[in-house]
Structures are given as structure tokens and as C-alpha cells.
Amino acid sequence: MLKEIRDWVLCLVIAVALALVIRNFVFTLVKVQGASMQPTLQENDKLYVNRFFYKPEKGDVIIFKPESDPDRPYVKRVIATEGDTVYIDFENGDVYVNGQVIDEPYIKDKTTRTGAYIMECIADGRYSKENPIVIEKDKVFVMGDNRNNSRDSREIGQVPENEIVGGAVFRFWPISNFGSVAYPIESSYLIEDEKHNFTFVS
């Protein structure tokens, strides 16, 4: 009897340990809160997030915990990565990466709202089309798809990769919207030529 109890306890310990390893290093499930990623993500959408040797790429939707607000995970889209340049024309809402307007079919509205980080760059004379933001080593520039209702890199600055929890591989709930939420970010030649444990994120 004692041996049987020991075996059950050992199995339980191993199962819990494996679950923790998988959750902390392989993947996790997250539940979206807030409107900052509309129309792509809605309140209570559930995402499968890859954590295993994840490296962010432009267009990925990521989960991260900013140092300034570590108790509140954020979900945003990667707009630029290390070595890229970013300039946002707040008059017409266009976003330039590496000098070219990017195609953004996923956004709710054009980008017209600035933020503390952008305003600081402007005040220091470090922000113009000819002098764009340069993404630093091991950092990314992120924005919510709901551009004018999102606290993102315009406010908090560039996000260090070590603050990234992982990349959203796909949405698994609701079933009707099952599928990838990533979108490869490329310059738009048309624009250029013609003119169950859930982590809650917001």
C-alpha cells in the first residue's frame, strides 16, 4: 500500500514538472483582454503561443511583459526588428519601415496617435522621415492593430527580446476564427508606385 502511494505521488510530481516545463519553455495558451488588437483579435479570443527558441519576425503577433508593467502581459504586432528603421507619418497615417510604406490590411484605422516615446524622439530632434527610428540590437518595434487605442512602442519604446514571452502561432477559439494571426510585413508596391491555464493579455 505504501509503495502504491509512493508511485502515485512520484507520477503526480513528474506530471506537474513536465507541465511546468512545457508551459514555461515550449508553449502556453493565452486569453486576450482589451481592444488594442482589433479587428484582428477580439476580447476573449484564445491563442496558442510558441515559446520554444522563438525569434520574432516582422508581422508576428507576440506576447511580452514590458519592464515598466511586468504584471500585465501585452499582445501586439511586430512592425520592425533589429536594424530596421521606422517612421510614422501621423498626418496621413502611413508607416514606413526601411524607407517604404508597409501594407497593413490588418489595422482598424490609420495611425494618427503618437505616444511618449515618439514625442521624446521628436523633442530631441531624432525623428523625421530623413532621420527615422533605428531599431536597436535585440529589440523590436511593436504596435497594436487598433492603432489609435493601443499602448505600444509609440508609448513605451522599443521592446527588448528578453521581455517577449512568445509568438502567437494561431487562434484556436472561437472555432469560427481558427487560424493564423501573423501577417508577413512587406512594403506595398501599390502605395509606393502610385503615390487549461490561460494568461490574460491586453
N, C-alpha and C. Protein backbone atom coordinates (compact mmCIF):
# COMPACT_ATOMS: atom_id res chain seq x y z
N MET A 1 0.83 -1.21 0.00
CA MET A 1 0.00 0.00 0.00
C MET A 1 0.87 1.27 0.00
N LEU A 2 1.89 1.26 0.87
CA LEU A 2 2.79 2.41 0.93
C LEU A 2 3.51 2.62 -0.38
N LYS A 3 3.93 1.51 -1.01
CA LYS A 3 4.63 1.59 -2.30
C LYS A 3 3.69 2.17 -3.37
N GLU A 4 2.43 1.76 -3.34
CA GLU A 4 1.45 2.26 -4.32
C GLU A 4 1.25 3.77 -4.17
N ILE A 5 1.18 4.25 -2.92
CA ILE A 5 1.03 5.69 -2.67
C ILE A 5 2.26 6.44 -3.16
N ARG A 6 3.44 5.85 -2.89
CA ARG A 6 4.70 6.46 -3.36
C ARG A 6 4.72 6.58 -4.88
N ASP A 7 4.29 5.53 -5.55
CA ASP A 7 4.26 5.52 -7.02
C ASP A 7 3.32 6.59 -7.55
N TRP A 8 2.15 6.73 -6.92
CA TRP A 8 1.19 7.75 -7.35
C TRP A 8 1.75 9.16 -7.14
N VAL A 9 2.38 9.37 -5.99
CA VAL A 9 2.98 10.67 -5.70
C VAL A 9 4.07 10.99 -6.70
N LEU A 10 4.91 9.99 -7.01
CA LEU A 10 6.00 10.19 -7.98
C LEU A 10 5.45 10.54 -9.36
N CYS A 11 4.40 9.81 -9.77
CA CYS A 11 3.78 10.10 -11.07
C CYS A 11 3.21 11.51 -11.11
N LEU A 12 2.59 11.91 -10.00
CA LEU A 12 2.00 13.25 -9.93
C LEU A 12 3.07 14.33 -10.00
N VAL A 13 4.17 14.13 -9.28
CA VAL A 13 5.29 15.08 -9.30
C VAL A 13 5.87 15.20 -10.70
N ILE A 14 6.06 14.07 -11.36
CA ILE A 14 6.62 14.08 -12.73
C ILE A 14 5.67 14.79 -13.69
N ALA A 15 4.37 14.52 -13.55
CA ALA A 15 3.38 15.16 -14.43
C ALA A 15 3.37 16.66 -14.25
N VAL A 16 3.40 17.11 -12.99
CA VAL A 16 3.41 18.54 -12.71
C VAL A 16 4.68 19.19 -13.25
N ALA A 17 5.82 18.52 -13.05
CA ALA A 17 7.10 19.04 -13.54
C ALA A 17 7.09 19.17 -15.06
N LEU A 18 6.58 18.15 -15.74
CA LEU A 18 6.51 18.20 -17.21
C LEU A 18 5.59 19.32 -17.68
N ALA A 19 4.46 19.47 -16.98
CA ALA A 19 3.52 20.53 -17.34
C ALA A 19 4.17 21.90 -17.19
N LEU A 20 4.93 22.09 -16.12
CA LEU A 20 5.60 23.37 -15.89
C LEU A 20 6.67 23.63 -16.94
N VAL A 21 7.43 22.59 -17.30
CA VAL A 21 8.47 22.73 -18.32
C VAL A 21 7.84 23.11 -19.66
N ILE A 22 6.77 22.40 -20.02
CA ILE A 22 6.09 22.69 -21.29
C ILE A 22 5.54 24.10 -21.30
N ARG A 23 4.89 24.49 -20.20
CA ARG A 23 4.28 25.83 -20.13
C ARG A 23 5.31 26.93 -20.16
N ASN A 24 6.44 26.73 -19.49
CA ASN A 24 7.45 27.79 -19.37
C ASN A 24 8.43 27.84 -20.52
N PHE A 25 8.61 26.72 -21.23
CA PHE A 25 9.65 26.69 -22.25
C PHE A 25 9.19 26.26 -23.63
N VAL A 26 8.02 25.67 -23.76
CA VAL A 26 7.59 25.15 -25.06
C VAL A 26 6.42 25.95 -25.62
N PHE A 27 5.29 25.95 -24.94
CA PHE A 27 4.15 26.75 -25.40
C PHE A 27 3.28 27.12 -24.22
N THR A 28 2.42 28.08 -24.45
CA THR A 28 1.42 28.45 -23.45
C THR A 28 0.16 28.88 -24.18
N LEU A 29 -0.94 28.93 -23.46
CA LEU A 29 -2.21 29.37 -24.01
C LEU A 29 -2.55 30.71 -23.39
N VAL A 30 -3.01 31.63 -24.20
CA VAL A 30 -3.35 32.95 -23.69
C VAL A 30 -4.76 33.35 -24.09
N LYS A 31 -5.35 34.15 -23.24
CA LYS A 31 -6.69 34.68 -23.50
C LYS A 31 -6.59 36.20 -23.61
N VAL A 32 -7.11 36.73 -24.69
CA VAL A 32 -6.99 38.16 -24.98
C VAL A 32 -7.99 38.97 -24.16
N GLN A 33 -7.50 40.06 -23.59
CA GLN A 33 -8.37 41.04 -22.95
C GLN A 33 -8.04 42.41 -23.52
N GLY A 34 -9.06 43.20 -23.76
CA GLY A 34 -8.84 44.54 -24.28
C GLY A 34 -9.09 44.62 -25.77
N ALA A 35 -9.03 45.86 -26.29
CA ALA A 35 -9.39 46.13 -27.68
C ALA A 35 -8.20 46.55 -28.54
N SER A 36 -6.97 46.47 -28.01
CA SER A 36 -5.82 47.04 -28.71
C SER A 36 -5.44 46.31 -30.00
N MET A 37 -5.92 45.06 -30.18
CA MET A 37 -5.57 44.32 -31.39
C MET A 37 -6.76 44.12 -32.31
N GLN A 38 -7.85 44.85 -32.07
CA GLN A 38 -8.97 44.78 -33.01
C GLN A 38 -8.58 45.43 -34.32
N PRO A 39 -9.06 44.95 -35.46
CA PRO A 39 -10.07 43.92 -35.63
C PRO A 39 -9.51 42.50 -35.67
N THR A 40 -8.17 42.34 -35.61
CA THR A 40 -7.58 41.01 -35.72
C THR A 40 -7.98 40.11 -34.56
N LEU A 41 -7.86 40.63 -33.34
CA LEU A 41 -8.19 39.86 -32.14
C LEU A 41 -9.29 40.55 -31.36
N GLN A 42 -10.20 39.74 -30.85
CA GLN A 42 -11.31 40.26 -30.08
C GLN A 42 -11.19 39.83 -28.61
N GLU A 43 -11.93 40.51 -27.76
CA GLU A 43 -11.99 40.14 -26.35
C GLU A 43 -12.32 38.65 -26.20
N ASN A 44 -11.52 37.96 -25.37
CA ASN A 44 -11.70 36.54 -25.05
C ASN A 44 -11.24 35.57 -26.13
N ASP A 45 -10.65 36.06 -27.22
CA ASP A 45 -10.02 35.15 -28.17
C ASP A 45 -8.93 34.37 -27.43
N LYS A 46 -8.71 33.14 -27.83
CA LYS A 46 -7.69 32.31 -27.19
C LYS A 46 -6.63 31.93 -28.21
N LEU A 47 -5.36 32.09 -27.80
CA LEU A 47 -4.23 31.89 -28.71
C LEU A 47 -3.29 30.80 -28.22
N TYR A 48 -2.71 30.09 -29.18
CA TYR A 48 -1.63 29.15 -28.89
C TYR A 48 -0.32 29.91 -29.14
N VAL A 49 0.52 29.99 -28.12
CA VAL A 49 1.74 30.80 -28.19
C VAL A 49 2.98 29.94 -28.08
N ASN A 50 3.85 30.03 -29.08
CA ASN A 50 5.10 29.29 -29.11
C ASN A 50 6.18 30.00 -28.29
N ARG A 51 6.83 29.25 -27.37
CA ARG A 51 7.90 29.83 -26.56
C ARG A 51 9.25 29.16 -26.85
N PHE A 52 9.25 28.12 -27.66
CA PHE A 52 10.43 27.27 -27.82
C PHE A 52 11.40 27.90 -28.82
N PHE A 53 12.50 28.48 -28.32
CA PHE A 53 13.50 29.14 -29.16
C PHE A 53 12.86 30.12 -30.13
N TYR A 54 11.87 30.86 -29.64
CA TYR A 54 11.16 31.78 -30.52
C TYR A 54 11.99 33.00 -30.86
N LYS A 55 12.00 33.37 -32.14
CA LYS A 55 12.69 34.58 -32.63
C LYS A 55 11.67 35.42 -33.39
N PRO A 56 11.39 36.65 -32.92
CA PRO A 56 10.34 37.46 -33.55
C PRO A 56 10.69 37.88 -34.96
N GLU A 57 9.67 37.90 -35.82
CA GLU A 57 9.81 38.36 -37.20
C GLU A 57 8.74 39.41 -37.48
N LYS A 58 9.01 40.27 -38.45
CA LYS A 58 8.05 41.31 -38.81
C LYS A 58 6.71 40.68 -39.21
N GLY A 59 5.65 41.19 -38.62
CA GLY A 59 4.32 40.68 -38.91
C GLY A 59 3.80 39.72 -37.86
N ASP A 60 4.68 39.21 -37.00
CA ASP A 60 4.26 38.29 -35.93
C ASP A 60 3.42 39.02 -34.89
N VAL A 61 2.50 38.31 -34.29
CA VAL A 61 1.81 38.79 -33.11
C VAL A 61 2.50 38.16 -31.91
N ILE A 62 2.96 38.99 -30.99
CA ILE A 62 3.74 38.49 -29.86
C ILE A 62 3.07 38.83 -28.53
N ILE A 63 3.45 38.06 -27.51
CA ILE A 63 3.08 38.34 -26.14
C ILE A 63 4.35 38.76 -25.41
N PHE A 64 4.32 39.88 -24.70
CA PHE A 64 5.51 40.31 -23.97
C PHE A 64 5.12 40.98 -22.67
N LYS A 65 6.06 41.03 -21.75
CA LYS A 65 5.85 41.68 -20.46
C LYS A 65 6.84 42.83 -20.34
N PRO A 66 6.40 44.07 -20.60
CA PRO A 66 7.32 45.21 -20.52
C PRO A 66 7.84 45.42 -19.11
N GLU A 67 9.08 45.83 -19.00
CA GLU A 67 9.69 46.09 -17.69
C GLU A 67 8.89 47.14 -16.91
N SER A 68 8.30 48.07 -17.64
CA SER A 68 7.55 49.15 -16.99
C SER A 68 6.19 48.68 -16.45
N ASP A 69 5.75 47.50 -16.88
CA ASP A 69 4.43 46.99 -16.48
C ASP A 69 4.45 45.47 -16.49
N PRO A 70 5.34 44.84 -15.69
CA PRO A 70 5.61 43.40 -15.80
C PRO A 70 4.45 42.50 -15.41
N ASP A 71 3.49 43.01 -14.67
CA ASP A 71 2.37 42.19 -14.23
C ASP A 71 1.23 42.15 -15.24
N ARG A 72 1.43 42.85 -16.36
CA ARG A 72 0.36 42.92 -17.35
C ARG A 72 0.91 42.57 -18.73
N PRO A 73 0.80 41.31 -19.14
CA PRO A 73 1.29 40.92 -20.47
C PRO A 73 0.56 41.69 -21.57
N TYR A 74 1.32 42.05 -22.61
CA TYR A 74 0.76 42.77 -23.76
C TYR A 74 0.74 41.84 -24.97
N VAL A 75 -0.21 42.06 -25.86
CA VAL A 75 -0.22 41.38 -27.16
C VAL A 75 -0.19 42.47 -28.24
N LYS A 76 0.82 42.42 -29.10
CA LYS A 76 1.00 43.43 -30.15
C LYS A 76 1.60 42.77 -31.39
N ARG A 77 1.64 43.54 -32.47
CA ARG A 77 2.23 43.05 -33.71
C ARG A 77 3.62 43.64 -33.90
N VAL A 78 4.56 42.81 -34.31
CA VAL A 78 5.92 43.26 -34.59
C VAL A 78 5.93 44.00 -35.92
N ILE A 79 6.36 45.25 -35.88
CA ILE A 79 6.41 46.08 -37.08
C ILE A 79 7.82 46.11 -37.65
N ALA A 80 8.82 46.09 -36.78
CA ALA A 80 10.21 46.15 -37.23
C ALA A 80 11.10 45.41 -36.24
N THR A 81 12.21 44.90 -36.74
CA THR A 81 13.15 44.16 -35.90
C THR A 81 14.53 44.81 -35.99
N GLU A 82 15.47 44.24 -35.27
CA GLU A 82 16.83 44.79 -35.17
C GLU A 82 17.40 45.24 -36.52
N GLY A 83 17.87 46.49 -36.55
CA GLY A 83 18.49 47.03 -37.76
C GLY A 83 17.53 47.74 -38.69
N ASP A 84 16.22 47.52 -38.54
CA ASP A 84 15.23 48.20 -39.38
C ASP A 84 15.07 49.66 -38.94
N THR A 85 14.50 50.46 -39.81
CA THR A 85 14.15 51.84 -39.45
C THR A 85 12.63 52.00 -39.50
N VAL A 86 12.12 52.86 -38.64
CA VAL A 86 10.67 53.10 -38.57
C VAL A 86 10.39 54.59 -38.58
N TYR A 87 9.45 54.99 -39.43
CA TYR A 87 8.95 56.36 -39.42
C TYR A 87 7.45 56.30 -39.64
N ILE A 88 6.70 57.02 -38.81
CA ILE A 88 5.24 57.08 -38.95
C ILE A 88 4.85 58.49 -39.31
N ASP A 89 4.15 58.62 -40.43
CA ASP A 89 3.63 59.91 -40.84
C ASP A 89 2.26 60.08 -40.19
N PHE A 90 2.20 60.83 -39.12
CA PHE A 90 0.96 60.93 -38.36
C PHE A 90 -0.09 61.81 -39.04
N GLU A 91 0.29 62.48 -40.12
CA GLU A 91 -0.69 63.28 -40.85
C GLU A 91 -1.55 62.41 -41.76
N ASN A 92 -0.90 61.47 -42.46
CA ASN A 92 -1.69 60.60 -43.34
C ASN A 92 -1.80 59.17 -42.82
N GLY A 93 -1.10 58.86 -41.72
CA GLY A 93 -1.23 57.56 -41.09
C GLY A 93 -0.37 56.46 -41.66
N ASP A 94 0.49 56.76 -42.61
CA ASP A 94 1.34 55.73 -43.21
C ASP A 94 2.50 55.38 -42.29
N VAL A 95 2.87 54.09 -42.29
CA VAL A 95 4.00 53.61 -41.51
C VAL A 95 5.10 53.16 -42.48
N TYR A 96 6.29 53.72 -42.30
CA TYR A 96 7.43 53.39 -43.16
C TYR A 96 8.40 52.49 -42.40
N VAL A 97 8.77 51.39 -43.02
CA VAL A 97 9.83 50.53 -42.50
C VAL A 97 10.91 50.45 -43.56
N ASN A 98 12.11 50.82 -43.17
CA ASN A 98 13.24 50.86 -44.11
C ASN A 98 12.94 51.74 -45.32
N GLY A 99 12.24 52.86 -45.03
CA GLY A 99 12.01 53.86 -46.07
C GLY A 99 10.84 53.58 -46.98
N GLN A 100 10.11 52.49 -46.76
CA GLN A 100 8.99 52.16 -47.63
C GLN A 100 7.72 51.99 -46.82
N VAL A 101 6.61 52.46 -47.38
CA VAL A 101 5.31 52.29 -46.74
C VAL A 101 4.98 50.81 -46.71
N ILE A 102 4.53 50.33 -45.55
CA ILE A 102 4.16 48.92 -45.46
C ILE A 102 2.67 48.74 -45.67
N ASP A 103 2.31 47.60 -46.21
CA ASP A 103 0.92 47.26 -46.47
C ASP A 103 0.33 46.70 -45.17
N GLU A 104 -0.75 47.30 -44.68
CA GLU A 104 -1.30 46.90 -43.39
C GLU A 104 -2.81 46.63 -43.48
N PRO A 105 -3.21 45.54 -44.09
CA PRO A 105 -4.64 45.24 -44.21
C PRO A 105 -5.28 44.84 -42.89
N TYR A 106 -4.46 44.60 -41.86
CA TYR A 106 -4.96 44.11 -40.58
C TYR A 106 -5.38 45.23 -39.62
N ILE A 107 -5.06 46.49 -39.91
CA ILE A 107 -5.33 47.56 -38.94
C ILE A 107 -6.78 48.02 -38.99
N LYS A 108 -7.23 48.59 -37.86
CA LYS A 108 -8.60 49.12 -37.78
C LYS A 108 -8.68 50.49 -38.43
N ASP A 109 -7.73 51.36 -38.12
CA ASP A 109 -7.68 52.71 -38.70
C ASP A 109 -6.22 53.08 -38.95
N LYS A 110 -6.02 54.11 -39.72
CA LYS A 110 -4.68 54.62 -39.96
C LYS A 110 -4.05 55.12 -38.65
N THR A 111 -2.74 55.15 -38.61
CA THR A 111 -2.01 55.51 -37.39
C THR A 111 -1.91 57.02 -37.25
N THR A 112 -2.71 57.58 -36.34
CA THR A 112 -2.70 59.03 -36.15
C THR A 112 -2.28 59.43 -34.74
N ARG A 113 -2.22 58.49 -33.81
CA ARG A 113 -1.88 58.81 -32.42
C ARG A 113 -0.40 58.56 -32.17
N THR A 114 0.24 59.50 -31.47
CA THR A 114 1.67 59.36 -31.16
C THR A 114 1.82 58.66 -29.81
N GLY A 115 2.74 59.10 -28.99
CA GLY A 115 2.98 58.50 -27.69
C GLY A 115 4.23 59.11 -27.09
N ALA A 116 4.50 58.81 -25.82
CA ALA A 116 5.60 59.43 -25.10
C ALA A 116 6.95 59.19 -25.75
N TYR A 117 7.18 57.97 -26.23
CA TYR A 117 8.48 57.64 -26.85
C TYR A 117 8.67 58.44 -28.14
N ILE A 118 7.64 58.49 -28.96
CA ILE A 118 7.72 59.25 -30.21
C ILE A 118 7.90 60.73 -29.92
N MET A 119 7.15 61.26 -28.96
CA MET A 119 7.25 62.67 -28.62
C MET A 119 8.64 63.02 -28.09
N GLU A 120 9.23 62.10 -27.35
CA GLU A 120 10.59 62.32 -26.85
C GLU A 120 11.58 62.37 -28.01
N CYS A 121 11.40 61.49 -28.99
CA CYS A 121 12.28 61.50 -30.17
C CYS A 121 12.13 62.79 -30.96
N ILE A 122 10.88 63.25 -31.09
CA ILE A 122 10.63 64.50 -31.81
C ILE A 122 11.28 65.66 -31.07
N ALA A 123 11.11 65.71 -29.75
CA ALA A 123 11.66 66.80 -28.94
C ALA A 123 13.18 66.85 -29.01
N ASP A 124 13.80 65.69 -29.15
CA ASP A 124 15.26 65.61 -29.22
C ASP A 124 15.79 65.78 -30.64
N GLY A 125 14.88 66.00 -31.60
CA GLY A 125 15.30 66.15 -32.99
C GLY A 125 15.76 64.85 -33.61
N ARG A 126 15.23 63.73 -33.09
CA ARG A 126 15.66 62.41 -33.57
C ARG A 126 14.56 61.71 -34.37
N TYR A 127 13.64 62.49 -34.90
CA TYR A 127 12.52 61.85 -35.58
C TYR A 127 12.06 62.65 -36.79
N SER A 128 12.26 62.09 -37.95
CA SER A 128 11.76 62.66 -39.20
C SER A 128 11.87 61.57 -40.26
N LYS A 129 11.32 61.83 -41.41
CA LYS A 129 11.39 60.83 -42.49
C LYS A 129 12.84 60.58 -42.89
N GLU A 130 13.64 61.65 -42.82
CA GLU A 130 15.05 61.53 -43.17
C GLU A 130 15.88 61.00 -41.99
N ASN A 131 15.33 61.06 -40.80
CA ASN A 131 16.03 60.60 -39.60
C ASN A 131 15.08 59.70 -38.78
N PRO A 132 14.77 58.50 -39.31
CA PRO A 132 13.80 57.62 -38.65
C PRO A 132 14.39 56.93 -37.42
N ILE A 133 13.53 56.28 -36.68
CA ILE A 133 13.97 55.48 -35.53
C ILE A 133 14.71 54.25 -36.05
N VAL A 134 15.85 53.96 -35.47
CA VAL A 134 16.61 52.75 -35.82
C VAL A 134 16.40 51.73 -34.70
N ILE A 135 15.98 50.54 -35.08
CA ILE A 135 15.71 49.51 -34.07
C ILE A 135 17.03 48.93 -33.58
N GLU A 136 17.20 48.97 -32.27
CA GLU A 136 18.46 48.58 -31.66
C GLU A 136 18.63 47.06 -31.63
N LYS A 137 19.83 46.65 -31.30
CA LYS A 137 20.17 45.23 -31.23
C LYS A 137 19.26 44.51 -30.22
N ASP A 138 18.75 43.35 -30.62
CA ASP A 138 17.91 42.51 -29.77
C ASP A 138 16.65 43.22 -29.28
N LYS A 139 16.11 44.11 -30.13
CA LYS A 139 14.85 44.79 -29.78
C LYS A 139 13.91 44.75 -30.98
N VAL A 140 12.63 45.00 -30.70
CA VAL A 140 11.63 45.08 -31.76
C VAL A 140 10.75 46.29 -31.53
N PHE A 141 10.09 46.74 -32.59
CA PHE A 141 9.13 47.84 -32.51
C PHE A 141 7.76 47.23 -32.76
N VAL A 142 6.83 47.43 -31.81
CA VAL A 142 5.52 46.79 -31.90
C VAL A 142 4.40 47.83 -31.87
N MET A 143 3.28 47.46 -32.49
CA MET A 143 2.08 48.30 -32.43
C MET A 143 0.86 47.40 -32.41
N GLY A 144 -0.22 47.90 -31.77
CA GLY A 144 -1.49 47.19 -31.81
C GLY A 144 -2.18 47.45 -33.14
N ASP A 145 -2.98 46.50 -33.59
CA ASP A 145 -3.71 46.68 -34.85
C ASP A 145 -4.78 47.76 -34.73
N ASN A 146 -5.27 47.99 -33.52
CA ASN A 146 -6.20 49.09 -33.26
C ASN A 146 -5.35 50.31 -32.92
N ARG A 147 -4.76 50.90 -33.93
CA ARG A 147 -3.68 51.87 -33.79
C ARG A 147 -3.98 53.04 -32.86
N ASN A 148 -5.20 53.49 -32.83
CA ASN A 148 -5.49 54.68 -32.04
C ASN A 148 -6.10 54.35 -30.68
N ASN A 149 -5.98 53.06 -30.31
CA ASN A 149 -6.40 52.63 -28.98
C ASN A 149 -5.45 51.52 -28.52
N SER A 150 -4.17 51.84 -28.52
CA SER A 150 -3.17 50.83 -28.18
C SER A 150 -1.96 51.49 -27.51
N ARG A 151 -1.54 50.90 -26.40
CA ARG A 151 -0.31 51.34 -25.73
C ARG A 151 0.80 50.42 -26.21
N ASP A 152 1.70 50.96 -27.03
CA ASP A 152 2.70 50.11 -27.67
C ASP A 152 4.03 50.86 -27.76
N SER A 153 4.85 50.53 -28.76
CA SER A 153 6.19 51.14 -28.86
C SER A 153 6.15 52.65 -29.04
N ARG A 154 5.06 53.18 -29.52
CA ARG A 154 4.95 54.64 -29.62
C ARG A 154 4.99 55.28 -28.23
N GLU A 155 4.55 54.51 -27.23
CA GLU A 155 4.49 55.00 -25.86
C GLU A 155 5.66 54.49 -25.02
N ILE A 156 5.89 53.17 -25.06
CA ILE A 156 6.87 52.55 -24.17
C ILE A 156 8.23 52.34 -24.81
N GLY A 157 8.35 52.61 -26.10
CA GLY A 157 9.63 52.45 -26.77
C GLY A 157 9.86 51.05 -27.32
N GLN A 158 11.08 50.81 -27.75
CA GLN A 158 11.45 49.53 -28.34
C GLN A 158 11.41 48.44 -27.28
N VAL A 159 10.97 47.27 -27.67
CA VAL A 159 10.79 46.16 -26.73
C VAL A 159 11.97 45.20 -26.81
N PRO A 160 12.70 45.01 -25.71
CA PRO A 160 13.80 44.04 -25.69
C PRO A 160 13.26 42.62 -25.91
N GLU A 161 14.00 41.83 -26.68
CA GLU A 161 13.55 40.48 -26.97
C GLU A 161 13.45 39.62 -25.71
N ASN A 162 14.22 39.96 -24.68
CA ASN A 162 14.15 39.14 -23.46
C ASN A 162 12.87 39.40 -22.66
N GLU A 163 12.06 40.37 -23.09
CA GLU A 163 10.76 40.60 -22.46
C GLU A 163 9.64 39.85 -23.18
N ILE A 164 9.98 39.21 -24.31
CA ILE A 164 8.98 38.51 -25.11
C ILE A 164 8.71 37.12 -24.54
N VAL A 165 7.44 36.84 -24.30
CA VAL A 165 7.03 35.52 -23.81
C VAL A 165 7.03 34.52 -24.95
N GLY A 166 6.52 34.93 -26.11
CA GLY A 166 6.48 34.04 -27.26
C GLY A 166 5.67 34.64 -28.39
N GLY A 167 5.56 33.89 -29.48
CA GLY A 167 4.83 34.35 -30.64
C GLY A 167 3.53 33.58 -30.80
N ALA A 168 2.44 34.29 -31.10
CA ALA A 168 1.14 33.64 -31.29
C ALA A 168 1.15 32.86 -32.60
N VAL A 169 1.03 31.55 -32.50
CA VAL A 169 1.06 30.70 -33.70
C VAL A 169 -0.30 30.72 -34.40
N PHE A 170 -1.35 30.54 -33.62
CA PHE A 170 -2.69 30.60 -34.20
C PHE A 170 -3.72 30.85 -33.11
N ARG A 171 -4.90 31.29 -33.54
CA ARG A 171 -6.05 31.45 -32.66
C ARG A 171 -6.83 30.14 -32.72
N PHE A 172 -7.12 29.55 -31.55
CA PHE A 172 -7.88 28.31 -31.56
C PHE A 172 -9.31 28.48 -31.04
N TRP A 173 -9.63 29.68 -30.55
CA TRP A 173 -11.00 29.96 -30.13
C TRP A 173 -11.32 31.42 -30.33
N PRO A 174 -12.47 31.74 -30.89
CA PRO A 174 -13.55 30.83 -31.29
C PRO A 174 -13.19 30.01 -32.53
N ILE A 175 -13.79 28.84 -32.61
CA ILE A 175 -13.51 27.92 -33.72
C ILE A 175 -13.78 28.58 -35.07
N SER A 176 -14.79 29.44 -35.11
CA SER A 176 -15.15 30.10 -36.38
C SER A 176 -14.03 30.99 -36.91
N ASN A 177 -13.12 31.43 -36.02
CA ASN A 177 -12.00 32.28 -36.44
C ASN A 177 -10.66 31.56 -36.28
N PHE A 178 -10.69 30.25 -36.27
CA PHE A 178 -9.47 29.47 -36.12
C PHE A 178 -8.48 29.80 -37.24
N GLY A 179 -7.22 29.98 -36.87
CA GLY A 179 -6.20 30.21 -37.89
C GLY A 179 -5.10 31.15 -37.44
N SER A 180 -4.17 31.40 -38.33
CA SER A 180 -3.01 32.24 -38.03
C SER A 180 -3.41 33.69 -37.85
N VAL A 181 -2.67 34.39 -36.97
CA VAL A 181 -2.89 35.82 -36.77
C VAL A 181 -1.67 36.63 -37.24
N ALA A 182 -0.64 35.93 -37.70
CA ALA A 182 0.55 36.61 -38.23
C ALA A 182 0.26 37.10 -39.64
N TYR A 183 1.02 38.11 -40.06
CA TYR A 183 0.88 38.64 -41.42
C TYR A 183 2.24 39.15 -41.85
N PRO A 184 2.85 38.54 -42.88
CA PRO A 184 4.19 38.98 -43.31
C PRO A 184 4.17 40.45 -43.70
N ILE A 185 5.01 41.25 -43.07
CA ILE A 185 5.04 42.68 -43.36
C ILE A 185 6.02 42.95 -44.49
N GLU A 186 5.50 43.54 -45.55
CA GLU A 186 6.32 43.89 -46.71
C GLU A 186 5.93 45.30 -47.15
N SER A 187 6.81 45.92 -47.91
CA SER A 187 6.45 47.23 -48.45
C SER A 187 5.38 47.03 -49.51
N SER A 188 4.51 48.01 -49.64
CA SER A 188 3.44 47.92 -50.62
C SER A 188 3.85 48.62 -51.91
N TYR A 189 4.06 47.83 -52.96
CA TYR A 189 4.47 48.44 -54.22
C TYR A 189 3.35 49.29 -54.80
N LEU A 190 2.10 48.96 -54.45
CA LEU A 190 0.99 49.77 -54.94
C LEU A 190 1.03 51.16 -54.34
N ILE A 191 1.26 51.24 -53.05
CA ILE A 191 1.36 52.53 -52.38
C ILE A 191 2.58 53.29 -52.87
N GLU A 192 3.70 52.57 -52.95
CA GLU A 192 4.95 53.22 -53.34
C GLU A 192 4.90 53.71 -54.77
N ASP A 193 4.28 52.86 -55.65
CA ASP A 193 4.31 53.22 -57.05
C ASP A 193 3.25 54.25 -57.40
N GLU A 194 2.13 54.23 -56.74
CA GLU A 194 1.03 55.09 -57.09
C GLU A 194 0.91 56.27 -56.14
N LYS A 195 1.44 56.41 -55.38
CA LYS A 195 1.61 57.56 -54.56
C LYS A 195 2.60 57.05 -53.52
N HIS A 196 -6.28 23.75 -18.69
CA HIS A 196 -6.37 24.75 -19.17
C HIS A 196 -6.05 25.93 -18.40
N ASN A 197 -4.85 26.53 -18.61
CA ASN A 197 -4.37 27.71 -17.94
C ASN A 197 -4.30 28.78 -19.00
N PHE A 198 -4.90 29.87 -18.72
CA PHE A 198 -4.86 30.97 -19.68
C PHE A 198 -4.18 32.16 -19.04
N THR A 199 -3.25 32.74 -19.78
CA THR A 199 -2.65 34.00 -19.36
C THR A 199 -3.48 35.11 -20.00
N PHE A 200 -3.85 36.12 -19.25
CA PHE A 200 -4.67 37.20 -19.78
C PHE A 200 -3.77 38.30 -20.31
N VAL A 201 -4.02 38.72 -21.54
CA VAL A 201 -3.20 39.75 -22.16
C VAL A 201 -4.11 40.84 -22.72
N SER A 202 -3.51 42.04 -22.89
CA SER A 202 -4.32 43.14 -23.42
C SER A 202 -3.51 43.95 -24.42
